[in-house]
């Protein structure tokens, strides 16, 4: 993976959520009302992202074929 993915895609600060925090803070300025936004997440990050997105409606965690959290 390290040969193909940029380091920022693999390491996101001490909690692993810093990139999401930055993106979420910009959503209202870059998305039209009613936009649908997907985040691919690590299997342990679902609940944290749901909490970070609490001010938005219809936030859902989608599991992958292995039953692990994969998208919010």
PDB file of N, CA and C in Angstrom:
ATOM      1  N   UNK A   1       0.827  -1.185   0.000  1.00  0.00           N
ATOM      2  CA  UNK A   1       0.000   0.000   0.000  1.00  0.00           C
ATOM      3  C   UNK A   1       0.871   1.249   0.000  1.00  0.00           C
ATOM      4  N   UNK A   2       1.954   1.244   0.743  1.00  0.00           N
ATOM      5  CA  UNK A   2       2.780   2.447   0.853  1.00  0.00           C
ATOM      6  C   UNK A   2       3.404   2.844  -0.476  1.00  0.00           C
ATOM      7  N   UNK A   3       3.510   1.919  -1.419  1.00  0.00           N
ATOM      8  CA  UNK A   3       4.052   2.239  -2.732  1.00  0.00           C
ATOM      9  C   UNK A   3       3.061   2.949  -3.632  1.00  0.00           C
ATOM     10  N   UNK A   4       1.782   2.944  -3.277  1.00  0.00           N
ATOM     11  CA  UNK A   4       0.750   3.493  -4.137  1.00  0.00           C
ATOM     12  C   UNK A   4      -0.047   4.632  -3.519  1.00  0.00           C
ATOM     13  N   UNK A   5      -0.200   4.623  -2.218  1.00  0.00           N
ATOM     14  CA  UNK A   5      -1.005   5.633  -1.538  1.00  0.00           C
ATOM     15  C   UNK A   5      -0.109   6.733  -0.977  1.00  0.00           C
ATOM     16  N   UNK A   6      -0.555   7.995  -1.051  1.00  0.00           N
ATOM     17  CA  UNK A   6       0.229   9.056  -0.414  1.00  0.00           C
ATOM     18  C   UNK A   6       0.210   8.881   1.101  1.00  0.00           C
ATOM     19  N   UNK A   7       1.279   9.317   1.755  1.00  0.00           N
ATOM     20  CA  UNK A   7       1.383   9.157   3.206  1.00  0.00           C
ATOM     21  C   UNK A   7       0.172   9.736   3.931  1.00  0.00           C
ATOM     22  N   UNK A   8      -0.339  10.881   3.453  1.00  0.00           N
ATOM     23  CA  UNK A   8      -1.495  11.515   4.096  1.00  0.00           C
ATOM     24  C   UNK A   8      -2.721  10.601   4.082  1.00  0.00           C
ATOM     25  N   UNK A   9      -2.831   9.732   3.088  1.00  0.00           N
ATOM     26  CA  UNK A   9      -3.967   8.812   3.022  1.00  0.00           C
ATOM     27  C   UNK A   9      -3.841   7.680   4.043  1.00  0.00           C
ATOM     28  N   UNK A  10      -2.648   7.452   4.517  1.00  0.00           N
ATOM     29  CA  UNK A  10      -2.408   6.340   5.426  1.00  0.00           C
ATOM     30  C   UNK A  10      -2.204   6.761   6.878  1.00  0.00           C
ATOM     31  N   UNK A  11      -1.764   7.995   7.093  1.00  0.00           N
ATOM     32  CA  UNK A  11      -1.457   8.483   8.435  1.00  0.00           C
ATOM     33  C   UNK A  11      -2.129   9.833   8.607  1.00  0.00           C
ATOM     34  N   UNK A  12      -3.013   9.934   9.572  1.00  0.00           N
ATOM     35  CA  UNK A  12      -3.760  11.176   9.763  1.00  0.00           C
ATOM     36  C   UNK A  12      -3.659  11.655  11.195  1.00  0.00           C
ATOM     37  N   UNK A  13      -2.492  12.034  11.608  1.00  0.00           N
ATOM     38  CA  UNK A  13      -2.334  12.569  12.956  1.00  0.00           C
ATOM     39  C   UNK A  13      -2.437  11.513  14.038  1.00  0.00           C
ATOM     40  N   UNK A  14      -2.540  11.961  15.259  1.00  0.00           N
ATOM     41  CA  UNK A  14      -2.502  11.042  16.397  1.00  0.00           C
ATOM     42  C   UNK A  14      -3.782  10.225  16.572  1.00  0.00           C
ATOM     43  N   UNK A  15      -4.935  10.755  16.152  1.00  0.00           N
ATOM     44  CA  UNK A  15      -6.191  10.017  16.325  1.00  0.00           C
ATOM     45  C   UNK A  15      -6.635   9.300  15.060  1.00  0.00           C
ATOM     46  N   UNK A  16      -6.078   9.673  13.927  1.00  0.00           N
ATOM     47  CA  UNK A  16      -6.514   9.100  12.658  1.00  0.00           C
ATOM     48  C   UNK A  16      -7.749   9.776  12.102  1.00  0.00           C
ATOM     49  N   UNK A  17      -8.245  10.798  12.789  1.00  0.00           N
ATOM     50  CA  UNK A  17      -9.476  11.471  12.380  1.00  0.00           C
ATOM     51  C   UNK A  17      -9.252  12.911  11.916  1.00  0.00           C
ATOM     52  N   UNK A  18      -8.028  13.387  11.965  1.00  0.00           N
ATOM     53  CA  UNK A  18      -7.750  14.783  11.653  1.00  0.00           C
ATOM     54  C   UNK A  18      -8.157  15.177  10.232  1.00  0.00           C
ATOM     55  N   UNK A  19      -7.916  14.325   9.264  1.00  0.00           N
ATOM     56  CA  UNK A  19      -8.316  14.643   7.880  1.00  0.00           C
ATOM     57  C   UNK A  19      -9.832  14.773   7.775  1.00  0.00           C
ATOM     58  N   UNK A  20     -10.547  13.910   8.465  1.00  0.00           N
ATOM     59  CA  UNK A  20     -12.005  13.997   8.447  1.00  0.00           C
ATOM     60  C   UNK A  20     -12.476  15.305   9.077  1.00  0.00           C
ATOM     61  N   UNK A  21     -11.852  15.695  10.185  1.00  0.00           N
ATOM     62  CA  UNK A  21     -12.231  16.945  10.842  1.00  0.00           C
ATOM     63  C   UNK A  21     -12.056  18.127   9.891  1.00  0.00           C
ATOM     64  N   UNK A  22     -10.965  18.140   9.172  1.00  0.00           N
ATOM     65  CA  UNK A  22     -10.714  19.228   8.234  1.00  0.00           C
ATOM     66  C   UNK A  22     -11.745  19.221   7.106  1.00  0.00           C
ATOM     67  N   UNK A  23     -12.014  18.060   6.553  1.00  0.00           N
ATOM     68  CA  UNK A  23     -13.003  17.958   5.468  1.00  0.00           C
ATOM     69  C   UNK A  23     -14.397  18.359   5.943  1.00  0.00           C
ATOM     70  N   UNK A  24     -14.790  17.872   7.099  1.00  0.00           N
ATOM     71  CA  UNK A  24     -16.125  18.174   7.631  1.00  0.00           C
ATOM     72  C   UNK A  24     -16.294  19.671   7.855  1.00  0.00           C
ATOM     73  N   UNK A  25     -15.237  20.332   8.320  1.00  0.00           N
ATOM     74  CA  UNK A  25     -15.330  21.777   8.557  1.00  0.00           C
ATOM     75  C   UNK A  25     -15.543  22.562   7.270  1.00  0.00           C
ATOM     76  N   UNK A  26     -15.243  21.968   6.128  1.00  0.00           N
ATOM     77  CA  UNK A  26     -15.369  22.645   4.838  1.00  0.00           C
ATOM     78  C   UNK A  26     -16.620  22.248   4.053  1.00  0.00           C
ATOM     79  N   UNK A  27     -17.376  21.282   4.535  1.00  0.00           N
ATOM     80  CA  UNK A  27     -18.500  20.749   3.763  1.00  0.00           C
ATOM     81  C   UNK A  27     -19.511  21.811   3.352  1.00  0.00           C
ATOM     82  N   UNK A  28     -19.943  22.631   4.286  1.00  0.00           N
ATOM     83  CA  UNK A  28     -20.982  23.606   3.958  1.00  0.00           C
ATOM     84  C   UNK A  28     -20.514  24.623   2.928  1.00  0.00           C
ATOM     85  N   UNK A  29     -19.221  24.889   2.865  1.00  0.00           N
ATOM     86  CA  UNK A  29     -18.717  25.879   1.904  1.00  0.00           C
ATOM     87  C   UNK A  29     -18.454  25.284   0.522  1.00  0.00           C
ATOM     88  N   UNK A  30     -18.387  23.960   0.415  1.00  0.00           N
ATOM     89  CA  UNK A  30     -18.072  23.361  -0.887  1.00  0.00           C
ATOM     90  C   UNK A  30     -19.186  22.473  -1.451  1.00  0.00           C
ATOM     91  N   UNK A  31     -20.231  22.219  -0.660  1.00  0.00           N
ATOM     92  CA  UNK A  31     -21.325  21.349  -1.115  1.00  0.00           C
ATOM     93  C   UNK A  31     -22.618  22.140  -1.251  1.00  0.00           C
ATOM     94  N   UNK A  32     -23.387  21.771  -2.245  1.00  0.00           N
ATOM     95  CA  UNK A  32     -24.723  22.346  -2.394  1.00  0.00           C
ATOM     96  C   UNK A  32     -25.655  21.738  -1.353  1.00  0.00           C
ATOM     97  N   UNK A  33     -26.712  22.467  -0.975  1.00  0.00           N
ATOM     98  CA  UNK A  33     -27.695  21.887  -0.054  1.00  0.00           C
ATOM     99  C   UNK A  33     -28.237  20.570  -0.619  1.00  0.00           C
ATOM    100  N   UNK A  34     -28.364  19.578   0.230  1.00  0.00           N
ATOM    101  CA  UNK A  34     -28.866  18.278  -0.199  1.00  0.00           C
ATOM    102  C   UNK A  34     -27.802  17.360  -0.784  1.00  0.00           C
ATOM    103  N   UNK A  35     -26.552  17.812  -0.817  1.00  0.00           N
ATOM    104  CA  UNK A  35     -25.476  16.978  -1.365  1.00  0.00           C
ATOM    105  C   UNK A  35     -25.319  15.704  -0.542  1.00  0.00           C
ATOM    106  N   UNK A  36     -24.845  14.675  -1.189  1.00  0.00           N
ATOM    107  CA  UNK A  36     -24.536  13.420  -0.514  1.00  0.00           C
ATOM    108  C   UNK A  36     -23.015  13.302  -0.468  1.00  0.00           C
ATOM    109  N   UNK A  37     -22.492  13.045   0.717  1.00  0.00           N
ATOM    110  CA  UNK A  37     -21.048  12.941   0.918  1.00  0.00           C
ATOM    111  C   UNK A  37     -20.744  11.568   1.501  1.00  0.00           C
ATOM    112  N   UNK A  38     -19.748  10.895   0.937  1.00  0.00           N
ATOM    113  CA  UNK A  38     -19.317   9.588   1.421  1.00  0.00           C
ATOM    114  C   UNK A  38     -17.893   9.701   1.936  1.00  0.00           C
ATOM    115  N   UNK A  39     -17.620   9.058   3.061  1.00  0.00           N
ATOM    116  CA  UNK A  39     -16.263   8.931   3.573  1.00  0.00           C
ATOM    117  C   UNK A  39     -15.940   7.449   3.661  1.00  0.00           C
ATOM    118  N   UNK A  40     -14.829   7.029   3.082  1.00  0.00           N
ATOM    119  CA  UNK A  40     -14.338   5.683   3.331  1.00  0.00           C
ATOM    120  C   UNK A  40     -13.581   5.743   4.654  1.00  0.00           C
ATOM    121  N   UNK A  41     -13.851   4.780   5.525  1.00  0.00           N
ATOM    122  CA  UNK A  41     -13.300   4.837   6.875  1.00  0.00           C
ATOM    123  C   UNK A  41     -12.614   3.537   7.251  1.00  0.00           C
ATOM    124  N   UNK A  42     -11.807   3.624   8.292  1.00  0.00           N
ATOM    125  CA  UNK A  42     -11.261   2.420   8.904  1.00  0.00           C
ATOM    126  C   UNK A  42     -12.360   1.718   9.685  1.00  0.00           C
ATOM    127  N   UNK A  43     -12.241   0.444   9.861  1.00  0.00           N
ATOM    128  CA  UNK A  43     -13.312  -0.351  10.471  1.00  0.00           C
ATOM    129  C   UNK A  43     -13.623   0.037  11.914  1.00  0.00           C
ATOM    130  N   UNK A  44     -12.758   0.787  12.563  1.00  0.00           N
ATOM    131  CA  UNK A  44     -12.977   1.207  13.948  1.00  0.00           C
ATOM    132  C   UNK A  44     -13.403   2.675  14.056  1.00  0.00           C
ATOM    133  N   UNK A  45     -13.645   3.353  12.929  1.00  0.00           N
ATOM    134  CA  UNK A  45     -13.881   4.794  12.949  1.00  0.00           C
ATOM    135  C   UNK A  45     -15.345   5.201  12.781  1.00  0.00           C
ATOM    136  N   UNK A  46     -16.240   4.275  12.566  1.00  0.00           N
ATOM    137  CA  UNK A  46     -17.632   4.590  12.272  1.00  0.00           C
ATOM    138  C   UNK A  46     -18.307   5.472  13.294  1.00  0.00           C
ATOM    139  N   UNK A  47     -18.285   5.082  14.548  1.00  0.00           N
ATOM    140  CA  UNK A  47     -18.982   5.843  15.587  1.00  0.00           C
ATOM    141  C   UNK A  47     -18.390   7.237  15.748  1.00  0.00           C
ATOM    142  N   UNK A  48     -17.078   7.355  15.667  1.00  0.00           N
ATOM    143  CA  UNK A  48     -16.444   8.672  15.808  1.00  0.00           C
ATOM    144  C   UNK A  48     -16.888   9.605  14.685  1.00  0.00           C
ATOM    145  N   UNK A  49     -16.980   9.087  13.458  1.00  0.00           N
ATOM    146  CA  UNK A  49     -17.424   9.928  12.340  1.00  0.00           C
ATOM    147  C   UNK A  49     -18.895  10.297  12.480  1.00  0.00           C
ATOM    148  N   UNK A  50     -19.714   9.384  12.941  1.00  0.00           N
ATOM    149  CA  UNK A  50     -21.127   9.694  13.168  1.00  0.00           C
ATOM    150  C   UNK A  50     -21.233  10.849  14.164  1.00  0.00           C
ATOM    151  N   UNK A  51     -20.454  10.816  15.216  1.00  0.00           N
ATOM    152  CA  UNK A  51     -20.476  11.891  16.213  1.00  0.00           C
ATOM    153  C   UNK A  51     -19.973  13.203  15.620  1.00  0.00           C
ATOM    154  N   UNK A  52     -18.944  13.146  14.786  1.00  0.00           N
ATOM    155  CA  UNK A  52     -18.402  14.353  14.161  1.00  0.00           C
ATOM    156  C   UNK A  52     -19.395  14.965  13.180  1.00  0.00           C
ATOM    157  N   UNK A  53     -20.261  14.144  12.610  1.00  0.00           N
ATOM    158  CA  UNK A  53     -21.232  14.603  11.616  1.00  0.00           C
ATOM    159  C   UNK A  53     -22.620  14.809  12.212  1.00  0.00           C
ATOM    160  N   UNK A  54     -22.715  14.915  13.525  1.00  0.00           N
ATOM    161  CA  UNK A  54     -24.002  14.994  14.217  1.00  0.00           C
ATOM    162  C   UNK A  54     -24.876  16.147  13.737  1.00  0.00           C
ATOM    163  N   UNK A  55     -24.289  17.250  13.285  1.00  0.00           N
ATOM    164  CA  UNK A  55     -25.090  18.396  12.851  1.00  0.00           C
ATOM    165  C   UNK A  55     -25.698  18.195  11.463  1.00  0.00           C
ATOM    166  N   UNK A  56     -25.325  17.130  10.782  1.00  0.00           N
ATOM    167  CA  UNK A  56     -25.884  16.827   9.466  1.00  0.00           C
ATOM    168  C   UNK A  56     -26.970  15.773   9.616  1.00  0.00           C
ATOM    169  N   UNK A  57     -27.858  15.674   8.645  1.00  0.00           N
ATOM    170  CA  UNK A  57     -28.940  14.695   8.751  1.00  0.00           C
ATOM    171  C   UNK A  57     -28.620  13.437   7.943  1.00  0.00           C
ATOM    172  N   UNK A  58     -29.294  12.372   8.281  1.00  0.00           N
ATOM    173  CA  UNK A  58     -29.181  11.097   7.575  1.00  0.00           C
ATOM    174  C   UNK A  58     -27.760  10.550   7.527  1.00  0.00           C
ATOM    175  N   UNK A  59     -27.045  10.607   8.627  1.00  0.00           N
ATOM    176  CA  UNK A  59     -25.695  10.050   8.699  1.00  0.00           C
ATOM    177  C   UNK A  59     -25.820   8.558   8.993  1.00  0.00           C
ATOM    178  N   UNK A  60     -25.173   7.757   8.176  1.00  0.00           N
ATOM    179  CA  UNK A  60     -25.263   6.307   8.324  1.00  0.00           C
ATOM    180  C   UNK A  60     -23.890   5.677   8.179  1.00  0.00           C
ATOM    181  N   UNK A  61     -23.682   4.560   8.864  1.00  0.00           N
ATOM    182  CA  UNK A  61     -22.480   3.754   8.688  1.00  0.00           C
ATOM    183  C   UNK A  61     -22.867   2.575   7.803  1.00  0.00           C
ATOM    184  N   UNK A  62     -22.107   2.359   6.755  1.00  0.00           N
ATOM    185  CA  UNK A  62     -22.341   1.251   5.824  1.00  0.00           C
ATOM    186  C   UNK A  62     -21.229   0.225   6.007  1.00  0.00           C
ATOM    187  N   UNK A  63     -21.607  -1.012   6.150  1.00  0.00           N
ATOM    188  CA  UNK A  63     -20.628  -2.081   6.358  1.00  0.00           C
ATOM    189  C   UNK A  63     -20.179  -2.666   5.017  1.00  0.00           C
ATOM    190  N   UNK A  64     -18.967  -3.214   5.000  1.00  0.00           N
ATOM    191  CA  UNK A  64     -18.466  -3.877   3.803  1.00  0.00           C
ATOM    192  C   UNK A  64     -18.951  -5.323   3.782  1.00  0.00           C
ATOM    193  N   UNK A  65     -18.500  -6.100   2.809  1.00  0.00           N
ATOM    194  CA  UNK A  65     -18.968  -7.480   2.687  1.00  0.00           C
ATOM    195  C   UNK A  65     -18.508  -8.375   3.842  1.00  0.00           C
ATOM    196  N   UNK A  66     -17.520  -7.924   4.582  1.00  0.00           N
ATOM    197  CA  UNK A  66     -17.054  -8.662   5.757  1.00  0.00           C
ATOM    198  C   UNK A  66     -17.788  -8.274   7.027  1.00  0.00           C
ATOM    199  N   UNK A  67     -18.729  -7.324   6.906  1.00  0.00           N
ATOM    200  CA  UNK A  67     -19.490  -6.883   8.055  1.00  0.00           C
ATOM    201  C   UNK A  67     -18.799  -5.815   8.882  1.00  0.00           C
ATOM    202  N   UNK A  68     -17.725  -5.232   8.342  1.00  0.00           N
ATOM    203  CA  UNK A  68     -16.991  -4.182   9.064  1.00  0.00           C
ATOM    204  C   UNK A  68     -17.421  -2.807   8.567  1.00  0.00           C
ATOM    205  N   UNK A  69     -17.419  -1.837   9.471  1.00  0.00           N
ATOM    206  CA  UNK A  69     -17.729  -0.474   9.063  1.00  0.00           C
ATOM    207  C   UNK A  69     -16.767  -0.053   7.966  1.00  0.00           C
ATOM    208  N   UNK A  70     -17.299   0.519   6.861  1.00  0.00           N
ATOM    209  CA  UNK A  70     -16.425   0.893   5.753  1.00  0.00           C
ATOM    210  C   UNK A  70     -16.702   2.277   5.188  1.00  0.00           C
ATOM    211  N   UNK A  71     -17.954   2.725   5.235  1.00  0.00           N
ATOM    212  CA  UNK A  71     -18.309   4.040   4.714  1.00  0.00           C
ATOM    213  C   UNK A  71     -19.241   4.758   5.682  1.00  0.00           C
ATOM    214  N   UNK A  72     -19.138   6.069   5.697  1.00  0.00           N
ATOM    215  CA  UNK A  72     -20.102   6.909   6.410  1.00  0.00           C
ATOM    216  C   UNK A  72     -20.624   7.889   5.397  1.00  0.00           C
TER     217      UNK A  72
END
